[in-house]
């Protein structure tokens, strides 16, 4: 889900711009419109972002609840699952 660099760039852009963003944000990122749309669809499908139609545009924003759940889960993994000695891996 988050492993693709384009999705990370989209999320970083959305975090920096706290207001709703529209498809025209591709002017700010080095992504083609079709590429951005594909990745927005993927992020929306997993519930990380929300999209609401306003006329001919779709307004996208991060679902803060889902985002925070992912951050908590990743932090728990980071804290609990790495070995502490130099003989690991």
PDB file of N, CA and C in Angstrom:
ATOM      1  N   UNK A   1       0.820  -1.187   0.000  1.00  0.00           N
ATOM      2  CA  UNK A   1       0.000   0.000   0.000  1.00  0.00           C
ATOM      3  C   UNK A   1       0.872   1.262   0.000  1.00  0.00           C
ATOM      4  N   UNK A   2       1.791   1.378   0.955  1.00  0.00           N
ATOM      5  CA  UNK A   2       2.605   2.584   1.049  1.00  0.00           C
ATOM      6  C   UNK A   2       3.970   2.444   0.406  1.00  0.00           C
ATOM      7  N   UNK A   3       4.267   1.262  -0.098  1.00  0.00           N
ATOM      8  CA  UNK A   3       5.589   0.992  -0.614  1.00  0.00           C
ATOM      9  C   UNK A   3       5.966   1.740  -1.879  1.00  0.00           C
ATOM     10  N   UNK A   4       5.022   2.295  -2.573  1.00  0.00           N
ATOM     11  CA  UNK A   4       5.334   2.977  -3.829  1.00  0.00           C
ATOM     12  C   UNK A   4       5.733   4.429  -3.547  1.00  0.00           C
ATOM     13  N   UNK A   5       6.844   4.886  -4.126  1.00  0.00           N
ATOM     14  CA  UNK A   5       7.302   6.262  -3.880  1.00  0.00           C
ATOM     15  C   UNK A   5       6.276   7.334  -4.250  1.00  0.00           C
ATOM     16  N   UNK A   6       5.493   7.101  -5.287  1.00  0.00           N
ATOM     17  CA  UNK A   6       4.486   8.093  -5.685  1.00  0.00           C
ATOM     18  C   UNK A   6       3.432   8.252  -4.595  1.00  0.00           C
ATOM     19  N   UNK A   7       3.041   7.165  -3.953  1.00  0.00           N
ATOM     20  CA  UNK A   7       2.050   7.252  -2.874  1.00  0.00           C
ATOM     21  C   UNK A   7       2.624   8.008  -1.689  1.00  0.00           C
ATOM     22  N   UNK A   8       3.894   7.789  -1.418  1.00  0.00           N
ATOM     23  CA  UNK A   8       4.530   8.522  -0.318  1.00  0.00           C
ATOM     24  C   UNK A   8       4.581  10.017  -0.641  1.00  0.00           C
ATOM     25  N   UNK A   9       4.884  10.364  -1.883  1.00  0.00           N
ATOM     26  CA  UNK A   9       4.920  11.773  -2.272  1.00  0.00           C
ATOM     27  C   UNK A   9       3.533  12.410  -2.145  1.00  0.00           C
ATOM     28  N   UNK A  10       2.517  11.677  -2.546  1.00  0.00           N
ATOM     29  CA  UNK A  10       1.146  12.182  -2.435  1.00  0.00           C
ATOM     30  C   UNK A  10       0.795  12.419  -0.977  1.00  0.00           C
ATOM     31  N   UNK A  11       1.096  11.450  -0.121  1.00  0.00           N
ATOM     32  CA  UNK A  11       0.792  11.598   1.311  1.00  0.00           C
ATOM     33  C   UNK A  11       1.580  12.749   1.923  1.00  0.00           C
ATOM     34  N   UNK A  12       2.857  12.868   1.568  1.00  0.00           N
ATOM     35  CA  UNK A  12       3.661  13.981   2.083  1.00  0.00           C
ATOM     36  C   UNK A  12       3.060  15.320   1.667  1.00  0.00           C
ATOM     37  N   UNK A  13       2.625  15.403   0.429  1.00  0.00           N
ATOM     38  CA  UNK A  13       2.007  16.631  -0.065  1.00  0.00           C
ATOM     39  C   UNK A  13       0.721  16.928   0.714  1.00  0.00           C
ATOM     40  N   UNK A  14      -0.078  15.888   0.945  1.00  0.00           N
ATOM     41  CA  UNK A  14      -1.343  16.071   1.657  1.00  0.00           C
ATOM     42  C   UNK A  14      -1.115  16.485   3.105  1.00  0.00           C
ATOM     43  N   UNK A  15      -0.067  15.963   3.724  1.00  0.00           N
ATOM     44  CA  UNK A  15       0.234  16.328   5.112  1.00  0.00           C
ATOM     45  C   UNK A  15       0.685  17.781   5.192  1.00  0.00           C
ATOM     46  N   UNK A  16       1.500  18.217   4.225  1.00  0.00           N
ATOM     47  CA  UNK A  16       1.978  19.601   4.219  1.00  0.00           C
ATOM     48  C   UNK A  16       0.855  20.590   3.931  1.00  0.00           C
ATOM     49  N   UNK A  17      -0.100  20.186   3.104  1.00  0.00           N
ATOM     50  CA  UNK A  17      -1.213  21.053   2.726  1.00  0.00           C
ATOM     51  C   UNK A  17      -2.458  20.535   3.443  1.00  0.00           C
ATOM     52  N   UNK A  18      -2.716  21.092   4.599  1.00  0.00           N
ATOM     53  CA  UNK A  18      -3.743  20.535   5.475  1.00  0.00           C
ATOM     54  C   UNK A  18      -5.164  20.702   4.949  1.00  0.00           C
ATOM     55  N   UNK A  19      -5.341  21.532   3.952  1.00  0.00           N
ATOM     56  CA  UNK A  19      -6.685  21.692   3.398  1.00  0.00           C
ATOM     57  C   UNK A  19      -6.939  20.615   2.343  1.00  0.00           C
ATOM     58  N   UNK A  20      -8.137  20.549   1.904  1.00  0.00           N
ATOM     59  CA  UNK A  20      -8.545  19.603   0.869  1.00  0.00           C
ATOM     60  C   UNK A  20      -7.744  19.883  -0.407  1.00  0.00           C
ATOM     61  N   UNK A  21      -7.292  18.817  -1.083  1.00  0.00           N
ATOM     62  CA  UNK A  21      -6.579  19.002  -2.344  1.00  0.00           C
ATOM     63  C   UNK A  21      -7.396  18.410  -3.486  1.00  0.00           C
ATOM     64  N   UNK A  22      -7.211  18.979  -4.642  1.00  0.00           N
ATOM     65  CA  UNK A  22      -7.910  18.516  -5.839  1.00  0.00           C
ATOM     66  C   UNK A  22      -6.903  17.878  -6.780  1.00  0.00           C
ATOM     67  N   UNK A  23      -7.396  17.282  -7.847  1.00  0.00           N
ATOM     68  CA  UNK A  23      -6.525  16.603  -8.810  1.00  0.00           C
ATOM     69  C   UNK A  23      -5.450  17.513  -9.383  1.00  0.00           C
ATOM     70  N   UNK A  24      -5.661  18.803  -9.349  1.00  0.00           N
ATOM     71  CA  UNK A  24      -4.677  19.706  -9.935  1.00  0.00           C
ATOM     72  C   UNK A  24      -3.393  19.798  -9.116  1.00  0.00           C
ATOM     73  N   UNK A  25      -3.320  19.089  -7.980  1.00  0.00           N
ATOM     74  CA  UNK A  25      -2.077  19.080  -7.217  1.00  0.00           C
ATOM     75  C   UNK A  25      -0.941  18.427  -8.003  1.00  0.00           C
ATOM     76  N   UNK A  26      -1.269  17.703  -9.080  1.00  0.00           N
ATOM     77  CA  UNK A  26      -0.216  17.076  -9.887  1.00  0.00           C
ATOM     78  C   UNK A  26       0.715  18.111 -10.495  1.00  0.00           C
ATOM     79  N   UNK A  27       0.270  19.357 -10.560  1.00  0.00           N
ATOM     80  CA  UNK A  27       1.145  20.423 -11.045  1.00  0.00           C
ATOM     81  C   UNK A  27       2.308  20.635 -10.078  1.00  0.00           C
ATOM     82  N   UNK A  28       2.119  20.277  -8.813  1.00  0.00           N
ATOM     83  CA  UNK A  28       3.144  20.446  -7.792  1.00  0.00           C
ATOM     84  C   UNK A  28       4.070  19.238  -7.681  1.00  0.00           C
ATOM     85  N   UNK A  29       3.630  18.092  -8.142  1.00  0.00           N
ATOM     86  CA  UNK A  29       4.403  16.862  -8.026  1.00  0.00           C
ATOM     87  C   UNK A  29       4.823  16.372  -9.412  1.00  0.00           C
ATOM     88  N   UNK A  30       5.929  15.662  -9.487  1.00  0.00           N
ATOM     89  CA  UNK A  30       6.355  15.149 -10.796  1.00  0.00           C
ATOM     90  C   UNK A  30       5.611  13.867 -11.171  1.00  0.00           C
ATOM     91  N   UNK A  31       4.280  13.969 -11.266  1.00  0.00           N
ATOM     92  CA  UNK A  31       3.452  12.814 -11.609  1.00  0.00           C
ATOM     93  C   UNK A  31       2.494  13.186 -12.729  1.00  0.00           C
ATOM     94  N   UNK A  32       2.272  12.264 -13.635  1.00  0.00           N
ATOM     95  CA  UNK A  32       1.250  12.463 -14.657  1.00  0.00           C
ATOM     96  C   UNK A  32      -0.118  12.345 -13.989  1.00  0.00           C
ATOM     97  N   UNK A  33      -1.109  12.982 -14.561  1.00  0.00           N
ATOM     98  CA  UNK A  33      -2.468  12.941 -14.009  1.00  0.00           C
ATOM     99  C   UNK A  33      -2.967  11.505 -13.854  1.00  0.00           C
ATOM    100  N   UNK A  34      -2.731  10.676 -14.866  1.00  0.00           N
ATOM    101  CA  UNK A  34      -3.207   9.291 -14.801  1.00  0.00           C
ATOM    102  C   UNK A  34      -2.497   8.511 -13.691  1.00  0.00           C
ATOM    103  N   UNK A  35      -1.213   8.775 -13.504  1.00  0.00           N
ATOM    104  CA  UNK A  35      -0.449   8.108 -12.438  1.00  0.00           C
ATOM    105  C   UNK A  35      -0.968   8.540 -11.080  1.00  0.00           C
ATOM    106  N   UNK A  36      -1.172   9.830 -10.900  1.00  0.00           N
ATOM    107  CA  UNK A  36      -1.686  10.338  -9.626  1.00  0.00           C
ATOM    108  C   UNK A  36      -3.065   9.761  -9.335  1.00  0.00           C
ATOM    109  N   UNK A  37      -3.919   9.714 -10.333  1.00  0.00           N
ATOM    110  CA  UNK A  37      -5.270   9.178 -10.149  1.00  0.00           C
ATOM    111  C   UNK A  37      -5.235   7.720  -9.717  1.00  0.00           C
ATOM    112  N   UNK A  38      -4.348   6.948 -10.322  1.00  0.00           N
ATOM    113  CA  UNK A  38      -4.217   5.531  -9.954  1.00  0.00           C
ATOM    114  C   UNK A  38      -3.818   5.385  -8.490  1.00  0.00           C
ATOM    115  N   UNK A  39      -2.832   6.157  -8.073  1.00  0.00           N
ATOM    116  CA  UNK A  39      -2.351   6.052  -6.696  1.00  0.00           C
ATOM    117  C   UNK A  39      -3.356   6.618  -5.696  1.00  0.00           C
ATOM    118  N   UNK A  40      -4.060   7.669  -6.069  1.00  0.00           N
ATOM    119  CA  UNK A  40      -5.125   8.179  -5.209  1.00  0.00           C
ATOM    120  C   UNK A  40      -6.208   7.124  -5.016  1.00  0.00           C
ATOM    121  N   UNK A  41      -6.543   6.423  -6.082  1.00  0.00           N
ATOM    122  CA  UNK A  41      -7.540   5.347  -5.991  1.00  0.00           C
ATOM    123  C   UNK A  41      -7.084   4.241  -5.049  1.00  0.00           C
ATOM    124  N   UNK A  42      -5.811   3.886  -5.125  1.00  0.00           N
ATOM    125  CA  UNK A  42      -5.267   2.852  -4.241  1.00  0.00           C
ATOM    126  C   UNK A  42      -5.314   3.298  -2.783  1.00  0.00           C
ATOM    127  N   UNK A  43      -4.917   4.537  -2.525  1.00  0.00           N
ATOM    128  CA  UNK A  43      -4.941   5.060  -1.157  1.00  0.00           C
ATOM    129  C   UNK A  43      -6.369   5.153  -0.623  1.00  0.00           C
ATOM    130  N   UNK A  44      -7.285   5.508  -1.502  1.00  0.00           N
ATOM    131  CA  UNK A  44      -8.692   5.590  -1.106  1.00  0.00           C
ATOM    132  C   UNK A  44      -9.271   4.198  -0.848  1.00  0.00           C
ATOM    133  N   UNK A  45      -8.881   3.223  -1.649  1.00  0.00           N
ATOM    134  CA  UNK A  45      -9.405   1.863  -1.508  1.00  0.00           C
ATOM    135  C   UNK A  45      -9.058   1.250  -0.152  1.00  0.00           C
ATOM    136  N   UNK A  46      -7.897   1.603   0.395  1.00  0.00           N
ATOM    137  CA  UNK A  46      -7.514   1.077   1.710  1.00  0.00           C
ATOM    138  C   UNK A  46      -7.983   1.975   2.846  1.00  0.00           C
ATOM    139  N   UNK A  47      -8.650   3.066   2.507  1.00  0.00           N
ATOM    140  CA  UNK A  47      -9.236   3.930   3.522  1.00  0.00           C
ATOM    141  C   UNK A  47      -8.316   4.986   4.090  1.00  0.00           C
ATOM    142  N   UNK A  48      -7.115   5.122   3.524  1.00  0.00           N
ATOM    143  CA  UNK A  48      -6.168   6.095   4.057  1.00  0.00           C
ATOM    144  C   UNK A  48      -6.536   7.524   3.693  1.00  0.00           C
ATOM    145  N   UNK A  49      -7.167   7.690   2.543  1.00  0.00           N
ATOM    146  CA  UNK A  49      -7.646   9.025   2.163  1.00  0.00           C
ATOM    147  C   UNK A  49      -9.132   8.940   1.844  1.00  0.00           C
ATOM    148  N   UNK A  50      -9.743  10.096   1.846  1.00  0.00           N
ATOM    149  CA  UNK A  50     -11.153  10.219   1.486  1.00  0.00           C
ATOM    150  C   UNK A  50     -11.240  11.122   0.269  1.00  0.00           C
ATOM    151  N   UNK A  51     -12.243  10.894  -0.545  1.00  0.00           N
ATOM    152  CA  UNK A  51     -12.464  11.735  -1.711  1.00  0.00           C
ATOM    153  C   UNK A  51     -13.934  12.095  -1.801  1.00  0.00           C
ATOM    154  N   UNK A  52     -14.189  13.373  -2.000  1.00  0.00           N
ATOM    155  CA  UNK A  52     -15.561  13.842  -2.091  1.00  0.00           C
ATOM    156  C   UNK A  52     -15.720  14.654  -3.372  1.00  0.00           C
ATOM    157  N   UNK A  53     -16.765  14.377  -4.119  1.00  0.00           N
ATOM    158  CA  UNK A  53     -16.976  15.040  -5.408  1.00  0.00           C
ATOM    159  C   UNK A  53     -17.632  16.403  -5.196  1.00  0.00           C
ATOM    160  N   UNK A  54     -17.025  17.424  -5.812  1.00  0.00           N
ATOM    161  CA  UNK A  54     -17.570  18.775  -5.832  1.00  0.00           C
ATOM    162  C   UNK A  54     -17.607  19.225  -7.286  1.00  0.00           C
ATOM    163  N   UNK A  55     -18.753  19.132  -7.909  1.00  0.00           N
ATOM    164  CA  UNK A  55     -18.877  19.478  -9.318  1.00  0.00           C
ATOM    165  C   UNK A  55     -18.061  18.527 -10.171  1.00  0.00           C
ATOM    166  N   UNK A  56     -17.114  19.084 -10.929  1.00  0.00           N
ATOM    167  CA  UNK A  56     -16.291  18.248 -11.799  1.00  0.00           C
ATOM    168  C   UNK A  56     -14.961  17.854 -11.143  1.00  0.00           C
ATOM    169  N   UNK A  57     -14.782  18.223  -9.877  1.00  0.00           N
ATOM    170  CA  UNK A  57     -13.532  17.929  -9.186  1.00  0.00           C
ATOM    171  C   UNK A  57     -13.778  17.006  -7.995  1.00  0.00           C
ATOM    172  N   UNK A  58     -12.726  16.318  -7.595  1.00  0.00           N
ATOM    173  CA  UNK A  58     -12.776  15.491  -6.394  1.00  0.00           C
ATOM    174  C   UNK A  58     -11.810  16.100  -5.384  1.00  0.00           C
ATOM    175  N   UNK A  59     -12.313  16.332  -4.192  1.00  0.00           N
ATOM    176  CA  UNK A  59     -11.516  16.871  -3.101  1.00  0.00           C
ATOM    177  C   UNK A  59     -10.978  15.695  -2.277  1.00  0.00           C
ATOM    178  N   UNK A  60      -9.667  15.636  -2.095  1.00  0.00           N
ATOM    179  CA  UNK A  60      -9.043  14.550  -1.343  1.00  0.00           C
ATOM    180  C   UNK A  60      -8.450  15.073  -0.045  1.00  0.00           C
ATOM    181  N   UNK A  61      -8.550  14.248   0.995  1.00  0.00           N
ATOM    182  CA  UNK A  61      -7.893  14.556   2.261  1.00  0.00           C
ATOM    183  C   UNK A  61      -7.563  13.237   2.967  1.00  0.00           C
ATOM    184  N   UNK A  62      -6.608  13.313   3.868  1.00  0.00           N
ATOM    185  CA  UNK A  62      -6.229  12.134   4.634  1.00  0.00           C
ATOM    186  C   UNK A  62      -7.297  11.850   5.674  1.00  0.00           C
ATOM    187  N   UNK A  63      -7.633  10.575   5.829  1.00  0.00           N
ATOM    188  CA  UNK A  63      -8.514  10.168   6.921  1.00  0.00           C
ATOM    189  C   UNK A  63      -7.628  10.082   8.160  1.00  0.00           C
ATOM    190  N   UNK A  64      -7.723  11.068   9.012  1.00  0.00           N
ATOM    191  CA  UNK A  64      -6.814  11.177  10.160  1.00  0.00           C
ATOM    192  C   UNK A  64      -6.910   9.978  11.094  1.00  0.00           C
ATOM    193  N   UNK A  65      -8.096   9.422  11.259  1.00  0.00           N
ATOM    194  CA  UNK A  65      -8.240   8.266  12.141  1.00  0.00           C
ATOM    195  C   UNK A  65      -7.467   7.063  11.607  1.00  0.00           C
ATOM    196  N   UNK A  66      -7.637   6.769  10.331  1.00  0.00           N
ATOM    197  CA  UNK A  66      -6.935   5.636   9.727  1.00  0.00           C
ATOM    198  C   UNK A  66      -5.432   5.900   9.724  1.00  0.00           C
ATOM    199  N   UNK A  67      -5.028   7.110   9.381  1.00  0.00           N
ATOM    200  CA  UNK A  67      -3.615   7.470   9.355  1.00  0.00           C
ATOM    201  C   UNK A  67      -2.994   7.258  10.732  1.00  0.00           C
ATOM    202  N   UNK A  68      -3.672   7.747  11.775  1.00  0.00           N
ATOM    203  CA  UNK A  68      -3.152   7.596  13.136  1.00  0.00           C
ATOM    204  C   UNK A  68      -3.091   6.133  13.563  1.00  0.00           C
ATOM    205  N   UNK A  69      -4.057   5.326  13.148  1.00  0.00           N
ATOM    206  CA  UNK A  69      -4.020   3.897  13.458  1.00  0.00           C
ATOM    207  C   UNK A  69      -2.791   3.237  12.829  1.00  0.00           C
ATOM    208  N   UNK A  70      -2.473   3.620  11.600  1.00  0.00           N
ATOM    209  CA  UNK A  70      -1.301   3.069  10.918  1.00  0.00           C
ATOM    210  C   UNK A  70      -0.021   3.498  11.629  1.00  0.00           C
ATOM    211  N   UNK A  71       0.052   4.759  12.023  1.00  0.00           N
ATOM    212  CA  UNK A  71       1.234   5.257  12.730  1.00  0.00           C
ATOM    213  C   UNK A  71       1.431   4.494  14.040  1.00  0.00           C
ATOM    214  N   UNK A  72       0.364   4.297  14.794  1.00  0.00           N
ATOM    215  CA  UNK A  72       0.453   3.558  16.055  1.00  0.00           C
ATOM    216  C   UNK A  72       0.915   2.126  15.797  1.00  0.00           C
ATOM    217  N   UNK A  73       0.333   1.472  14.803  1.00  0.00           N
ATOM    218  CA  UNK A  73       0.697   0.087  14.495  1.00  0.00           C
ATOM    219  C   UNK A  73       2.162  -0.016  14.082  1.00  0.00           C
ATOM    220  N   UNK A  74       2.639   0.905  13.267  1.00  0.00           N
ATOM    221  CA  UNK A  74       4.037   0.882  12.844  1.00  0.00           C
ATOM    222  C   UNK A  74       4.975   1.157  14.015  1.00  0.00           C
ATOM    223  N   UNK A  75       4.584   2.066  14.889  1.00  0.00           N
ATOM    224  CA  UNK A  75       5.401   2.337  16.070  1.00  0.00           C
ATOM    225  C   UNK A  75       5.475   1.115  16.973  1.00  0.00           C
ATOM    226  N   UNK A  76       4.387   0.403  17.124  1.00  0.00           N
ATOM    227  CA  UNK A  76       4.399  -0.813  17.937  1.00  0.00           C
ATOM    228  C   UNK A  76       5.325  -1.862  17.325  1.00  0.00           C
ATOM    229  N   UNK A  77       5.309  -1.995  16.012  1.00  0.00           N
ATOM    230  CA  UNK A  77       6.224  -2.924  15.349  1.00  0.00           C
ATOM    231  C   UNK A  77       7.670  -2.511  15.561  1.00  0.00           C
ATOM    232  N   UNK A  78       7.908  -1.234  15.394  1.00  0.00           N
ATOM    233  CA  UNK A  78       9.270  -0.706  15.531  1.00  0.00           C
ATOM    234  C   UNK A  78       9.802  -0.958  16.934  1.00  0.00           C
ATOM    235  N   UNK A  79       8.986  -0.790  17.923  1.00  0.00           N
ATOM    236  CA  UNK A  79       9.419  -0.938  19.303  1.00  0.00           C
ATOM    237  C   UNK A  79       9.577  -2.403  19.690  1.00  0.00           C
ATOM    238  N   UNK A  80       8.678  -3.261  19.247  1.00  0.00           N
ATOM    239  CA  UNK A  80       8.624  -4.601  19.807  1.00  0.00           C
ATOM    240  C   UNK A  80       9.311  -5.700  19.007  1.00  0.00           C
ATOM    241  N   UNK A  81       9.517  -5.534  17.740  1.00  0.00           N
ATOM    242  CA  UNK A  81       9.911  -6.687  16.939  1.00  0.00           C
ATOM    243  C   UNK A  81      11.340  -6.700  16.411  1.00  0.00           C
ATOM    244  N   UNK A  82      12.147  -5.753  16.779  1.00  0.00           N
ATOM    245  CA  UNK A  82      13.529  -5.789  16.332  1.00  0.00           C
ATOM    246  C   UNK A  82      14.397  -6.391  17.424  1.00  0.00           C
ATOM    247  N   UNK A  83      15.366  -7.181  17.003  1.00  0.00           N
ATOM    248  CA  UNK A  83      16.242  -7.788  17.998  1.00  0.00           C
ATOM    249  C   UNK A  83      17.219  -6.737  18.533  1.00  0.00           C
ATOM    250  N   UNK A  84      17.697  -6.995  19.735  1.00  0.00           N
ATOM    251  CA  UNK A  84      18.543  -6.024  20.414  1.00  0.00           C
ATOM    252  C   UNK A  84      20.028  -6.345  20.351  1.00  0.00           C
ATOM    253  N   UNK A  85      20.396  -7.453  19.752  1.00  0.00           N
ATOM    254  CA  UNK A  85      21.825  -7.776  19.779  1.00  0.00           C
ATOM    255  C   UNK A  85      22.435  -7.724  18.379  1.00  0.00           C
ATOM    256  N   UNK A  86      23.724  -7.696  18.360  1.00  0.00           N
ATOM    257  CA  UNK A  86      24.425  -7.556  17.079  1.00  0.00           C
ATOM    258  C   UNK A  86      24.455  -8.866  16.278  1.00  0.00           C
ATOM    259  N   UNK A  87      24.043  -9.985  16.865  1.00  0.00           N
ATOM    260  CA  UNK A  87      24.037 -11.256  16.161  1.00  0.00           C
ATOM    261  C   UNK A  87      22.792 -11.451  15.293  1.00  0.00           C
ATOM    262  N   UNK A  88      21.883 -10.542  15.366  1.00  0.00           N
ATOM    263  CA  UNK A  88      20.644 -10.636  14.606  1.00  0.00           C
ATOM    264  C   UNK A  88      20.914 -10.243  13.145  1.00  0.00           C
ATOM    265  N   UNK A  89      20.465 -11.066  12.221  1.00  0.00           N
ATOM    266  CA  UNK A  89      20.585 -10.822  10.776  1.00  0.00           C
ATOM    267  C   UNK A  89      22.017 -10.592  10.381  1.00  0.00           C
TER     268      UNK A  89
END
